[in-house]
Amino acid sequence: IIVRWALNPLSDLEEPLTRLASGETDVIVKNTGDKEIDRIGHALNTTICALNERDESLRRMANHDGLTGLANRKYFVEQMEKEIGRIATNGGCSALFFFDLDRFKYINDTLGHAAGDKLLIRVAELLLSRVRERDVVSRFGGDEFTVLARSVSREGAVDMANSFNQIMRDMRLMEADKVFSVN
């Protein structure tokens, strides 16, 4: 009886450890009141938290462009397919915008990759500044960007297109005492 009583706090760790071993990371080990077992529980909770942070970081890396931080092509296509399914089921309207930067290759070749990267980052910032939180902006390819505007009316989509056209017309890259436009 004394041995069972002494091992009881260890038995409480069995269920969370089994779940963790099967790959679940939404496990929380609760305090038992036993100092040594609580230290083990704290260490397990710290490990679980680190695993969740690592998984989130890996998900972010798999779904986002490393340079601009925008969604990548794979993630964008997944979101677009989900939106098509949502519209097919529930109705509604969304809009898709595609951007291909003019003169990007010239800027990249003439001024170097650092200038090209600076341009891509600036375009990403400008596009993000013109969308709503529920919209998805991606770097679709080298100098190609897309925007999925979810649940937007035809008039709203036209307004967004006009806004995008305006920021692209107005955008300038100053590098090496030269000014370049991308439209």
Protein backbone atom coordinates (compact mmCIF):
# COMPACT_ATOMS: atom_id res chain seq x y z
CA ILE A 1 0.00 0.00 0.00
CA ILE A 2 2.81 2.41 0.87
CA VAL A 3 4.60 1.63 -2.41
CA ARG A 4 1.39 2.22 -4.41
CA TRP A 5 0.79 5.46 -2.53
CA ALA A 6 4.39 6.56 -3.18
CA LEU A 7 4.16 5.72 -6.90
CA ASN A 8 0.72 7.28 -7.41
CA PRO A 9 2.13 10.67 -8.56
CA LEU A 10 4.21 8.81 -11.17
CA SER A 11 1.08 7.05 -12.39
CA ASP A 12 -0.46 10.48 -13.02
CA LEU A 13 2.32 11.10 -15.58
CA GLU A 14 1.43 8.01 -17.61
CA GLU A 15 -1.47 9.51 -19.57
CA PRO A 16 0.26 12.76 -20.61
CA LEU A 17 3.47 10.88 -21.46
CA THR A 18 1.55 8.37 -23.58
CA ARG A 19 -0.19 11.21 -25.46
CA LEU A 20 3.11 13.02 -25.94
CA ALA A 21 4.78 9.83 -27.20
CA SER A 22 1.98 9.44 -29.78
CA GLY A 23 2.75 12.90 -31.17
CA GLU A 24 0.18 15.03 -29.39
CA THR A 25 1.58 18.36 -28.28
CA ASP A 26 -1.50 19.90 -26.70
CA VAL A 27 -0.64 18.06 -23.48
CA ILE A 28 -0.32 19.84 -20.15
CA VAL A 29 1.18 18.06 -17.17
CA LYS A 30 -0.57 19.21 -14.01
CA ASN A 31 1.06 19.73 -10.64
CA THR A 32 0.58 16.87 -8.23
CA GLY A 33 1.79 18.47 -5.03
CA ASP A 34 4.83 16.21 -4.98
CA LYS A 35 7.94 18.39 -5.37
CA GLU A 36 10.03 15.92 -7.43
CA ILE A 37 7.15 14.90 -9.71
CA ASP A 38 6.20 18.57 -10.19
CA ARG A 39 9.78 19.28 -11.36
CA ILE A 40 9.44 16.50 -13.92
CA GLY A 41 6.05 17.91 -14.96
CA HIS A 42 7.53 21.40 -15.32
CA ALA A 43 10.37 20.01 -17.47
CA LEU A 44 7.85 18.17 -19.64
CA ASN A 45 5.69 21.29 -20.03
CA THR A 46 8.79 23.29 -21.00
CA THR A 47 9.71 20.63 -23.57
CA ILE A 48 6.17 20.59 -24.97
CA CYS A 49 6.21 24.38 -25.28
CA ALA A 50 9.55 24.22 -27.14
CA LEU A 51 8.17 21.54 -29.48
CA ASN A 52 5.12 23.68 -30.24
CA GLU A 53 7.30 26.72 -30.96
CA ARG A 54 9.54 24.63 -33.22
CA ASP A 55 6.53 23.23 -35.07
CA GLU A 56 5.08 26.72 -35.56
CA SER A 57 8.44 27.95 -36.86
CA LEU A 58 8.66 25.03 -39.30
CA ARG A 59 5.08 25.64 -40.47
CA ARG A 60 5.90 29.31 -41.02
CA MET A 61 9.05 28.43 -42.98
CA ALA A 62 7.13 25.92 -45.10
CA ASN A 63 4.34 28.39 -45.91
CA HIS A 64 6.10 31.74 -46.25
CA ASP A 65 8.71 33.38 -48.41
CA GLY A 66 11.96 33.88 -46.51
CA LEU A 67 12.72 37.29 -48.03
CA THR A 68 9.38 39.10 -47.88
CA GLY A 69 7.58 37.13 -45.18
CA LEU A 70 4.58 36.81 -47.49
CA ALA A 71 2.78 33.55 -48.11
CA ASN A 72 4.55 31.37 -50.65
CA ARG A 73 3.01 29.80 -53.78
CA LYS A 74 2.15 26.50 -52.06
CA TYR A 75 0.31 28.16 -49.19
CA PHE A 76 -1.40 30.63 -51.52
CA VAL A 77 -2.72 27.85 -53.76
CA GLU A 78 -4.02 25.98 -50.70
CA GLN A 79 -5.83 29.11 -49.49
CA MET A 80 -7.23 29.80 -52.95
CA GLU A 81 -8.59 26.24 -53.21
CA LYS A 82 -10.22 26.61 -49.78
CA GLU A 83 -11.77 29.90 -50.87
CA ILE A 84 -13.12 28.35 -54.08
CA GLY A 85 -14.67 25.58 -51.98
CA ARG A 86 -16.15 28.10 -49.55
CA ILE A 87 -17.71 30.10 -52.38
CA ALA A 88 -19.05 26.94 -54.05
CA THR A 89 -20.72 25.95 -50.78
CA ASN A 90 -21.82 29.29 -49.32
CA GLY A 91 -21.81 31.62 -52.31
CA GLY A 92 -20.22 35.04 -52.33
CA CYS A 93 -17.46 36.75 -54.25
CA SER A 94 -13.73 37.00 -53.92
CA ALA A 95 -11.07 38.45 -56.18
CA LEU A 96 -7.67 37.33 -57.38
CA PHE A 97 -4.98 39.83 -58.34
CA PHE A 98 -1.71 38.97 -60.08
CA PHE A 99 1.35 41.24 -60.29
CA ASP A 100 4.45 40.80 -62.42
CA LEU A 101 7.02 43.54 -61.87
CA ASP A 102 8.27 45.23 -65.02
CA ARG A 103 11.98 46.01 -65.14
CA PHE A 104 12.77 43.75 -62.17
CA LYS A 105 15.31 41.70 -64.13
CA TYR A 106 16.95 44.89 -65.37
CA ILE A 107 17.17 46.32 -61.83
CA ASN A 108 18.46 43.01 -60.45
CA ASP A 109 21.05 42.61 -63.23
CA THR A 110 22.14 46.26 -63.25
CA LEU A 111 22.19 47.09 -59.54
CA GLY A 112 22.64 43.63 -58.02
CA HIS A 113 20.57 41.22 -55.99
CA ALA A 114 20.55 43.45 -52.90
CA ALA A 115 18.69 46.14 -54.86
CA GLY A 116 16.35 43.52 -56.32
CA ASP A 117 15.66 42.19 -52.83
CA LYS A 118 15.01 45.71 -51.57
CA LEU A 119 12.48 46.19 -54.37
CA LEU A 120 10.69 42.91 -53.61
CA ILE A 121 10.46 43.77 -49.91
CA ARG A 122 9.09 47.23 -50.72
CA VAL A 123 6.43 45.79 -53.06
CA ALA A 124 5.43 43.29 -50.35
CA GLU A 125 5.06 46.11 -47.80
CA LEU A 126 2.97 48.19 -50.20
CA LEU A 127 0.65 45.32 -51.07
CA LEU A 128 0.19 44.43 -47.40
CA SER A 129 -0.68 48.05 -46.65
CA ARG A 130 -3.62 47.87 -49.09
CA VAL A 131 -5.27 44.61 -48.00
CA ARG A 132 -7.51 43.52 -45.17
CA GLU A 133 -6.43 41.05 -42.51
CA ARG A 134 -8.47 38.22 -44.06
CA ASP A 135 -6.84 38.63 -47.49
CA VAL A 136 -3.79 36.60 -48.54
CA VAL A 137 -0.77 38.21 -50.20
CA SER A 138 1.91 35.97 -51.66
CA ARG A 139 5.19 36.11 -53.43
CA PHE A 140 4.15 33.69 -56.13
CA GLY A 141 7.48 33.53 -57.91
CA GLY A 142 10.64 35.57 -58.46
CA ASP A 143 9.02 38.92 -59.26
CA GLU A 144 5.39 37.75 -59.20
CA PHE A 145 2.93 38.55 -56.44
CA THR A 146 -0.69 37.57 -55.89
CA VAL A 147 -3.49 38.80 -53.67
CA LEU A 148 -6.57 36.78 -52.77
CA ALA A 149 -9.20 39.25 -51.59
CA ARG A 150 -11.74 37.20 -49.69
CA SER A 151 -15.41 38.13 -49.56
CA VAL A 152 -15.14 41.28 -51.60
CA SER A 153 -17.83 42.77 -53.83
CA ARG A 154 -17.21 43.53 -57.48
CA GLU A 155 -17.01 47.24 -56.61
CA GLY A 156 -14.63 46.50 -53.75
CA ALA A 157 -12.41 44.47 -56.08
CA VAL A 158 -12.35 47.33 -58.61
CA ASP A 159 -11.38 49.74 -55.81
CA MET A 160 -8.61 47.40 -54.72
CA ALA A 161 -7.36 47.05 -58.30
CA ASN A 162 -7.29 50.82 -58.69
CA SER A 163 -5.41 51.14 -55.41
CA PHE A 164 -2.88 48.48 -56.44
CA ASN A 165 -2.38 50.14 -59.83
CA GLN A 166 -1.82 53.50 -58.16
CA ILE A 167 0.79 52.24 -55.70
CA MET A 168 2.63 50.45 -58.51
CA ARG A 169 2.58 53.59 -60.68
CA ASP A 170 3.82 55.72 -57.78
CA MET A 171 6.46 53.33 -56.51
CA ARG A 172 10.06 54.24 -57.17
CA LEU A 173 13.31 52.56 -56.23
CA MET A 174 16.23 54.89 -55.65
CA GLU A 175 19.55 53.13 -55.95
CA ALA A 176 23.01 54.31 -56.97
CA ASP A 177 21.72 57.85 -57.63
CA LYS A 178 19.19 56.47 -60.12
CA VAL A 179 15.42 56.22 -59.85
CA PHE A 180 13.58 53.20 -61.21
CA SER A 181 9.89 52.46 -61.57
CA VAL A 182 8.33 49.01 -61.86
CA ASN A 183 5.20 49.56 -63.91
